[in-house]
Amino acid sequence: RMKDYIVNRVFSIANSIIDNGLTVREAAKRFNVSKSTVHSDVTLRLEELDKELYEEIRQVLDFNFAMRHLRGGESTRKKYIK
């Protein structure tokens, strides 16, 4: 049995990621927790709590994973423009 504050955090993070298309890193900053915590919350814990919401999160995470090489390239480009 998970503690209530963890369950609340899991759903808050999950809804925020879906509504705003956040990355794990952005969600971690917004909720002031580590990236590992966010990842555990939205994969392991969420799957246990709400299978449908987990499937939605999985789509967002998979998309972010597929696009991360583009975000990294853009960051490098901005760094050297300065």
C-alpha atoms as a PDB file:
ATOM      1  CA  ARG A   1       0.000   0.000   0.000  1.00  0.00           C
ATOM      2  CA  MET A   2       1.366   3.383  -1.070  1.00  0.00           C
ATOM      3  CA  LYS A   3       1.128   6.389   1.159  1.00  0.00           C
ATOM      4  CA  ASP A   4      -1.467   8.967   0.162  1.00  0.00           C
ATOM      5  CA  TYR A   5       1.039  11.717  -0.578  1.00  0.00           C
ATOM      6  CA  ILE A   6       2.844   9.432  -3.040  1.00  0.00           C
ATOM      7  CA  VAL A   7      -0.405   8.516  -4.797  1.00  0.00           C
ATOM      8  CA  ASN A   8      -1.298  12.222  -5.039  1.00  0.00           C
ATOM      9  CA  ARG A   9       2.154  13.043  -6.424  1.00  0.00           C
ATOM     10  CA  VAL A  10       1.928  10.250  -9.003  1.00  0.00           C
ATOM     11  CA  PHE A  11      -1.392  11.523 -10.361  1.00  0.00           C
ATOM     12  CA  SER A  12      -0.295  15.170 -10.242  1.00  0.00           C
ATOM     13  CA  ILE A  13       2.869  14.455 -12.199  1.00  0.00           C
ATOM     14  CA  ALA A  14       1.076  12.194 -14.682  1.00  0.00           C
ATOM     15  CA  ASN A  15      -1.666  14.721 -15.401  1.00  0.00           C
ATOM     16  CA  SER A  16       0.854  17.510 -15.742  1.00  0.00           C
ATOM     17  CA  ILE A  17       2.936  15.524 -18.229  1.00  0.00           C
ATOM     18  CA  ILE A  18      -0.132  14.686 -20.314  1.00  0.00           C
ATOM     19  CA  ASP A  19      -1.672  18.170 -20.195  1.00  0.00           C
ATOM     20  CA  ASN A  20       1.546  20.078 -20.880  1.00  0.00           C
ATOM     21  CA  GLY A  21       3.633  17.512 -22.746  1.00  0.00           C
ATOM     22  CA  LEU A  22       6.421  17.811 -20.188  1.00  0.00           C
ATOM     23  CA  THR A  23       9.609  15.821 -20.320  1.00  0.00           C
ATOM     24  CA  VAL A  24      10.733  13.857 -17.268  1.00  0.00           C
ATOM     25  CA  ARG A  25      13.336  16.540 -16.566  1.00  0.00           C
ATOM     26  CA  GLU A  26      10.772  19.359 -16.795  1.00  0.00           C
ATOM     27  CA  ALA A  27       8.366  17.482 -14.535  1.00  0.00           C
ATOM     28  CA  ALA A  28      11.126  16.870 -11.990  1.00  0.00           C
ATOM     29  CA  LYS A  29      11.897  20.592 -11.844  1.00  0.00           C
ATOM     30  CA  ARG A  30       8.231  21.566 -11.606  1.00  0.00           C
ATOM     31  CA  PHE A  31       7.519  19.125  -8.758  1.00  0.00           C
ATOM     32  CA  ASN A  32      10.887  19.548  -7.048  1.00  0.00           C
ATOM     33  CA  VAL A  33      11.766  15.846  -7.122  1.00  0.00           C
ATOM     34  CA  SER A  34      14.492  13.877  -8.882  1.00  0.00           C
ATOM     35  CA  LYS A  35      14.219  12.567 -12.442  1.00  0.00           C
ATOM     36  CA  SER A  36      14.405   9.047 -11.020  1.00  0.00           C
ATOM     37  CA  THR A  37      11.404   9.736  -8.799  1.00  0.00           C
ATOM     38  CA  VAL A  38       9.374  11.080 -11.723  1.00  0.00           C
ATOM     39  CA  HIS A  39      10.322   8.093 -13.847  1.00  0.00           C
ATOM     40  CA  SER A  40       9.402   5.625 -11.097  1.00  0.00           C
ATOM     41  CA  ASP A  41       6.148   7.443 -10.428  1.00  0.00           C
ATOM     42  CA  VAL A  42       4.926   7.492 -14.020  1.00  0.00           C
ATOM     43  CA  THR A  43       6.092   4.020 -14.994  1.00  0.00           C
ATOM     44  CA  LEU A  44       6.111   1.632 -12.047  1.00  0.00           C
ATOM     45  CA  ARG A  45       3.659   3.214  -9.623  1.00  0.00           C
ATOM     46  CA  LEU A  46       1.199   4.605 -12.167  1.00  0.00           C
ATOM     47  CA  GLU A  47       0.883   1.271 -13.951  1.00  0.00           C
ATOM     48  CA  GLU A  48      -0.162  -0.242 -10.637  1.00  0.00           C
ATOM     49  CA  LEU A  49      -2.681   2.531  -9.886  1.00  0.00           C
ATOM     50  CA  ASP A  50      -4.293   3.370 -13.239  1.00  0.00           C
ATOM     51  CA  LYS A  51      -3.551   1.274 -16.322  1.00  0.00           C
ATOM     52  CA  GLU A  52      -5.324   3.630 -18.773  1.00  0.00           C
ATOM     53  CA  LEU A  53      -3.486   6.724 -17.576  1.00  0.00           C
ATOM     54  CA  TYR A  54      -0.259   4.737 -17.721  1.00  0.00           C
ATOM     55  CA  GLU A  55      -0.883   3.989 -21.416  1.00  0.00           C
ATOM     56  CA  GLU A  56      -1.334   7.723 -22.119  1.00  0.00           C
ATOM     57  CA  ILE A  57       1.863   8.567 -20.252  1.00  0.00           C
ATOM     58  CA  ARG A  58       3.724   5.850 -22.119  1.00  0.00           C
ATOM     59  CA  GLN A  59       2.837   7.539 -25.428  1.00  0.00           C
ATOM     60  CA  VAL A  60       4.139  10.922 -24.241  1.00  0.00           C
ATOM     61  CA  LEU A  61       7.336   9.378 -22.827  1.00  0.00           C
ATOM     62  CA  ASP A  62       7.954   7.383 -26.003  1.00  0.00           C
ATOM     63  CA  PHE A  63       7.484  10.522 -28.117  1.00  0.00           C
ATOM     64  CA  ASN A  64       9.860  12.498 -25.894  1.00  0.00           C
ATOM     65  CA  PHE A  65      12.391   9.679 -26.098  1.00  0.00           C
ATOM     66  CA  ALA A  66      12.173   9.668 -29.895  1.00  0.00           C
ATOM     67  CA  MET A  67      12.653  13.448 -30.080  1.00  0.00           C
ATOM     68  CA  ARG A  68      15.411  13.894 -27.529  1.00  0.00           C
ATOM     69  CA  HIS A  69      18.192  13.881 -30.110  1.00  0.00           C
ATOM     70  CA  LEU A  70      16.567  16.931 -31.722  1.00  0.00           C
ATOM     71  CA  ARG A  71      16.288  18.805 -28.423  1.00  0.00           C
ATOM     72  CA  GLY A  72      19.919  18.037 -27.662  1.00  0.00           C
ATOM     73  CA  GLY A  73      21.032  19.313 -31.045  1.00  0.00           C
ATOM     74  CA  GLU A  74      19.022  22.497 -30.608  1.00  0.00           C
ATOM     75  CA  SER A  75      20.591  23.104 -27.191  1.00  0.00           C
ATOM     76  CA  THR A  76      24.064  22.730 -28.638  1.00  0.00           C
ATOM     77  CA  ARG A  77      23.234  25.103 -31.503  1.00  0.00           C
ATOM     78  CA  LYS A  78      21.953  27.767 -29.091  1.00  0.00           C
ATOM     79  CA  LYS A  79      25.028  27.343 -26.908  1.00  0.00           C
ATOM     80  CA  TYR A  80      27.390  28.175 -29.761  1.00  0.00           C
ATOM     81  CA  ILE A  81      25.309  31.007 -31.232  1.00  0.00           C
ATOM     82  CA  LYS A  82      26.008  33.109 -28.121  1.00  0.00           C
END
